[in-house]
Amino acid sequence: MSEETGSEAIYCSAGVQILQAPVLESAGWQRRTVTDPARIDELDELYTNLGFETTTTMLDPSSFGEACTSCAITACTTYVALFTRKQPTG
């Protein structure tokens, strides 16, 4: 967990932090995946059918480490993050 944000970050294979989402996480959302937008509808449907609410967010270039400049720009324009949370009961 990051002491600064109070949430774990998602890391790429080189260990570079690519996403922080403390606002979503504080509202009960959990990160599920970072993927190409072409696949997001399929995953959204899957999690919805499993009884979850879903939301997506673009990646934030400012949350990438200094070692990732061109990768951050490319990923932030081509990938989205999917978050889920349990649907409210009642």
N, C-alpha and C. Protein backbone atom coordinates (compact mmCIF):
# COMPACT_ATOMS: atom_id res chain seq x y z
N MET A 1 0.83 -1.19 0.00
CA MET A 1 0.00 0.00 0.00
C MET A 1 0.86 1.24 0.00
N SER A 2 0.39 2.23 -0.69
CA SER A 2 1.10 3.50 -0.71
C SER A 2 0.67 4.33 0.49
N GLU A 3 1.64 4.80 1.27
CA GLU A 3 1.29 5.62 2.44
C GLU A 3 0.68 6.94 2.01
N GLU A 4 1.11 7.45 0.86
CA GLU A 4 0.64 8.74 0.40
C GLU A 4 -0.83 8.72 0.00
N THR A 5 -1.27 7.66 -0.70
CA THR A 5 -2.65 7.59 -1.19
C THR A 5 -3.52 6.65 -0.39
N GLY A 6 -2.91 5.78 0.40
CA GLY A 6 -3.70 4.82 1.16
C GLY A 6 -4.23 3.70 0.30
N SER A 7 -3.64 3.48 -0.86
CA SER A 7 -4.11 2.41 -1.73
C SER A 7 -2.94 1.78 -2.45
N GLU A 8 -3.11 0.53 -2.84
CA GLU A 8 -2.08 -0.14 -3.62
C GLU A 8 -2.13 0.39 -5.04
N ALA A 9 -1.02 0.42 -5.68
CA ALA A 9 -0.95 0.84 -7.07
C ALA A 9 -0.84 -0.39 -7.96
N ILE A 10 -1.22 -0.25 -9.21
CA ILE A 10 -1.03 -1.30 -10.20
C ILE A 10 0.34 -1.06 -10.81
N TYR A 11 1.10 -2.13 -11.05
CA TYR A 11 2.44 -2.00 -11.60
C TYR A 11 2.56 -2.73 -12.92
N CYS A 12 3.37 -2.18 -13.82
CA CYS A 12 3.67 -2.88 -15.06
C CYS A 12 4.75 -3.92 -14.78
N SER A 13 5.17 -4.65 -15.78
CA SER A 13 6.12 -5.74 -15.56
C SER A 13 7.46 -5.26 -15.05
N ALA A 14 7.81 -4.01 -15.28
CA ALA A 14 9.08 -3.49 -14.79
C ALA A 14 8.95 -2.90 -13.39
N GLY A 15 7.79 -3.02 -12.78
CA GLY A 15 7.58 -2.52 -11.44
C GLY A 15 7.29 -1.04 -11.36
N VAL A 16 6.88 -0.44 -12.46
CA VAL A 16 6.60 0.99 -12.48
C VAL A 16 5.11 1.21 -12.23
N GLN A 17 4.83 2.05 -11.28
CA GLN A 17 3.44 2.32 -10.88
C GLN A 17 2.68 2.96 -12.04
N ILE A 18 1.50 2.42 -12.40
CA ILE A 18 0.74 3.00 -13.51
C ILE A 18 -0.64 3.52 -13.14
N LEU A 19 -1.12 3.26 -11.96
CA LEU A 19 -2.46 3.75 -11.64
C LEU A 19 -2.66 3.89 -10.15
N GLN A 20 -3.14 5.04 -9.75
CA GLN A 20 -3.59 5.25 -8.39
C GLN A 20 -5.03 5.73 -8.49
N ALA A 21 -5.89 5.24 -7.66
CA ALA A 21 -7.29 5.62 -7.71
C ALA A 21 -7.88 5.70 -6.31
N PRO A 22 -7.31 6.54 -5.45
CA PRO A 22 -7.78 6.59 -4.06
C PRO A 22 -9.22 7.07 -3.93
N VAL A 23 -9.68 7.93 -4.82
CA VAL A 23 -11.06 8.42 -4.73
C VAL A 23 -12.04 7.29 -5.01
N LEU A 24 -11.79 6.53 -6.07
CA LEU A 24 -12.67 5.39 -6.37
C LEU A 24 -12.60 4.35 -5.26
N GLU A 25 -11.40 4.05 -4.80
CA GLU A 25 -11.25 3.03 -3.77
C GLU A 25 -11.91 3.44 -2.47
N SER A 26 -11.87 4.70 -2.15
CA SER A 26 -12.53 5.15 -0.91
C SER A 26 -14.05 5.07 -1.03
N ALA A 27 -14.55 5.01 -2.26
CA ALA A 27 -15.99 4.85 -2.49
C ALA A 27 -16.38 3.39 -2.65
N GLY A 28 -15.43 2.48 -2.36
CA GLY A 28 -15.74 1.05 -2.38
C GLY A 28 -15.42 0.34 -3.68
N TRP A 29 -14.81 1.01 -4.64
CA TRP A 29 -14.48 0.38 -5.91
C TRP A 29 -13.17 -0.39 -5.78
N GLN A 30 -13.09 -1.54 -6.48
CA GLN A 30 -11.86 -2.34 -6.51
C GLN A 30 -11.37 -2.42 -7.95
N ARG A 31 -10.05 -2.25 -8.14
CA ARG A 31 -9.47 -2.40 -9.47
C ARG A 31 -9.55 -3.86 -9.88
N ARG A 32 -9.95 -4.09 -11.11
CA ARG A 32 -10.00 -5.46 -11.63
C ARG A 32 -8.97 -5.66 -12.73
N THR A 33 -8.86 -4.71 -13.67
CA THR A 33 -7.93 -4.90 -14.77
C THR A 33 -7.67 -3.59 -15.48
N VAL A 34 -6.60 -3.56 -16.23
CA VAL A 34 -6.30 -2.49 -17.18
C VAL A 34 -6.25 -3.18 -18.53
N THR A 35 -7.04 -2.68 -19.48
CA THR A 35 -7.15 -3.39 -20.76
C THR A 35 -7.42 -2.44 -21.91
N ASP A 36 -7.39 -2.99 -23.07
CA ASP A 36 -7.71 -2.28 -24.29
C ASP A 36 -9.21 -1.98 -24.31
N PRO A 37 -9.61 -0.80 -24.75
CA PRO A 37 -11.04 -0.46 -24.78
C PRO A 37 -11.89 -1.43 -25.60
N ALA A 38 -11.30 -2.12 -26.55
CA ALA A 38 -12.05 -3.08 -27.36
C ALA A 38 -12.56 -4.26 -26.53
N ARG A 39 -11.93 -4.53 -25.40
CA ARG A 39 -12.33 -5.66 -24.54
C ARG A 39 -13.16 -5.23 -23.35
N ILE A 40 -13.30 -3.94 -23.12
CA ILE A 40 -13.91 -3.46 -21.89
C ILE A 40 -15.40 -3.82 -21.81
N ASP A 41 -16.11 -3.78 -22.94
CA ASP A 41 -17.54 -4.12 -22.91
C ASP A 41 -17.76 -5.57 -22.49
N GLU A 42 -16.91 -6.46 -22.97
CA GLU A 42 -17.00 -7.87 -22.60
C GLU A 42 -16.78 -8.06 -21.10
N LEU A 43 -15.78 -7.40 -20.57
CA LEU A 43 -15.49 -7.51 -19.13
C LEU A 43 -16.57 -6.83 -18.29
N ASP A 44 -17.07 -5.70 -18.77
CA ASP A 44 -18.16 -5.01 -18.08
C ASP A 44 -19.37 -5.93 -17.97
N GLU A 45 -19.72 -6.58 -19.07
CA GLU A 45 -20.87 -7.49 -19.07
C GLU A 45 -20.64 -8.66 -18.12
N LEU A 46 -19.42 -9.21 -18.14
CA LEU A 46 -19.10 -10.33 -17.25
C LEU A 46 -19.30 -9.95 -15.79
N TYR A 47 -18.71 -8.84 -15.37
CA TYR A 47 -18.83 -8.44 -13.97
C TYR A 47 -20.26 -8.03 -13.61
N THR A 48 -20.97 -7.41 -14.54
CA THR A 48 -22.37 -7.06 -14.29
C THR A 48 -23.20 -8.32 -14.08
N ASN A 49 -22.97 -9.35 -14.91
CA ASN A 49 -23.69 -10.61 -14.76
C ASN A 49 -23.33 -11.33 -13.46
N LEU A 50 -22.17 -11.03 -12.93
CA LEU A 50 -21.77 -11.61 -11.63
C LEU A 50 -22.32 -10.81 -10.46
N GLY A 51 -23.05 -9.73 -10.74
CA GLY A 51 -23.70 -8.96 -9.69
C GLY A 51 -22.94 -7.73 -9.22
N PHE A 52 -21.99 -7.26 -9.99
CA PHE A 52 -21.21 -6.09 -9.61
C PHE A 52 -21.65 -4.85 -10.38
N GLU A 53 -21.47 -3.70 -9.76
CA GLU A 53 -21.52 -2.44 -10.47
C GLU A 53 -20.15 -2.27 -11.11
N THR A 54 -20.06 -1.60 -12.25
CA THR A 54 -18.77 -1.39 -12.88
C THR A 54 -18.60 0.08 -13.25
N THR A 55 -17.35 0.49 -13.32
CA THR A 55 -17.01 1.81 -13.83
C THR A 55 -15.62 1.70 -14.45
N THR A 56 -15.33 2.59 -15.37
CA THR A 56 -14.02 2.61 -16.00
C THR A 56 -13.39 3.99 -15.85
N THR A 57 -12.09 4.03 -15.98
CA THR A 57 -11.36 5.29 -15.94
C THR A 57 -10.17 5.19 -16.87
N MET A 58 -9.81 6.31 -17.44
CA MET A 58 -8.59 6.36 -18.24
C MET A 58 -7.40 6.35 -17.28
N LEU A 59 -6.25 5.99 -17.78
CA LEU A 59 -5.04 6.01 -16.96
C LEU A 59 -4.53 7.45 -16.87
N ASP A 60 -3.84 7.75 -15.81
CA ASP A 60 -3.34 9.11 -15.55
C ASP A 60 -1.83 9.15 -15.79
N PRO A 61 -1.37 9.91 -16.79
CA PRO A 61 0.07 9.96 -17.06
C PRO A 61 0.90 10.41 -15.87
N SER A 62 0.34 11.22 -14.99
CA SER A 62 1.11 11.71 -13.85
C SER A 62 1.39 10.63 -12.82
N SER A 63 0.70 9.49 -12.89
CA SER A 63 0.95 8.42 -11.92
C SER A 63 2.00 7.44 -12.40
N PHE A 64 2.52 7.63 -13.62
CA PHE A 64 3.60 6.79 -14.10
C PHE A 64 4.91 7.25 -13.50
N GLY A 65 5.82 6.34 -13.32
CA GLY A 65 7.13 6.70 -12.81
C GLY A 65 7.96 7.44 -13.85
N GLU A 66 9.06 8.02 -13.40
CA GLU A 66 9.93 8.78 -14.29
C GLU A 66 10.52 7.94 -15.40
N ALA A 67 10.65 6.64 -15.19
CA ALA A 67 11.23 5.76 -16.20
C ALA A 67 10.29 5.53 -17.39
N CYS A 68 9.03 5.86 -17.23
CA CYS A 68 8.04 5.60 -18.28
C CYS A 68 7.51 6.90 -18.85
N THR A 69 8.11 7.37 -19.88
CA THR A 69 7.59 8.60 -20.49
C THR A 69 6.76 8.27 -21.71
N SER A 70 7.36 7.67 -22.73
CA SER A 70 6.58 7.36 -23.93
C SER A 70 5.56 6.26 -23.65
N CYS A 71 5.90 5.30 -22.78
CA CYS A 71 4.93 4.25 -22.43
C CYS A 71 3.71 4.85 -21.75
N ALA A 72 3.93 5.80 -20.86
CA ALA A 72 2.82 6.44 -20.15
C ALA A 72 1.89 7.13 -21.12
N ILE A 73 2.45 7.86 -22.04
CA ILE A 73 1.62 8.58 -23.01
C ILE A 73 0.84 7.59 -23.87
N THR A 74 1.50 6.54 -24.34
CA THR A 74 0.84 5.54 -25.17
C THR A 74 -0.26 4.82 -24.39
N ALA A 75 0.05 4.34 -23.20
CA ALA A 75 -0.93 3.59 -22.40
C ALA A 75 -2.12 4.46 -22.03
N CYS A 76 -1.87 5.71 -21.70
CA CYS A 76 -2.95 6.58 -21.26
C CYS A 76 -3.89 6.94 -22.38
N THR A 77 -3.45 6.81 -23.61
CA THR A 77 -4.34 7.10 -24.72
C THR A 77 -4.97 5.85 -25.30
N THR A 78 -4.53 4.67 -24.87
CA THR A 78 -5.06 3.45 -25.48
C THR A 78 -5.65 2.44 -24.51
N TYR A 79 -5.49 2.59 -23.20
CA TYR A 79 -6.00 1.61 -22.25
C TYR A 79 -6.94 2.26 -21.23
N VAL A 80 -7.82 1.44 -20.67
CA VAL A 80 -8.72 1.89 -19.61
C VAL A 80 -8.63 0.91 -18.44
N ALA A 81 -8.96 1.40 -17.27
CA ALA A 81 -8.99 0.56 -16.07
C ALA A 81 -10.44 0.27 -15.73
N LEU A 82 -10.72 -0.96 -15.34
CA LEU A 82 -12.06 -1.39 -14.95
C LEU A 82 -12.09 -1.58 -13.44
N PHE A 83 -13.09 -1.01 -12.80
CA PHE A 83 -13.30 -1.13 -11.36
C PHE A 83 -14.68 -1.73 -11.12
N THR A 84 -14.81 -2.49 -10.04
CA THR A 84 -16.11 -3.06 -9.67
C THR A 84 -16.37 -2.81 -8.19
N ARG A 85 -17.63 -2.89 -7.83
CA ARG A 85 -18.02 -2.94 -6.43
C ARG A 85 -19.35 -3.68 -6.35
N LYS A 86 -19.62 -4.24 -5.20
CA LYS A 86 -20.87 -4.98 -5.00
C LYS A 86 -22.04 -4.02 -5.14
N GLN A 87 -23.09 -4.51 -5.78
CA GLN A 87 -24.29 -3.69 -5.91
C GLN A 87 -24.96 -3.54 -4.56
N PRO A 88 -25.49 -2.36 -4.29
CA PRO A 88 -26.17 -2.16 -3.00
C PRO A 88 -27.38 -3.08 -2.90
N THR A 89 -27.61 -3.57 -1.70
CA THR A 89 -28.78 -4.43 -1.47
C THR A 89 -29.92 -3.58 -0.94
N GLY A 90 -31.10 -4.02 -1.25
CA GLY A 90 -32.25 -3.32 -0.70
C GLY A 90 -33.12 -2.88 -1.74
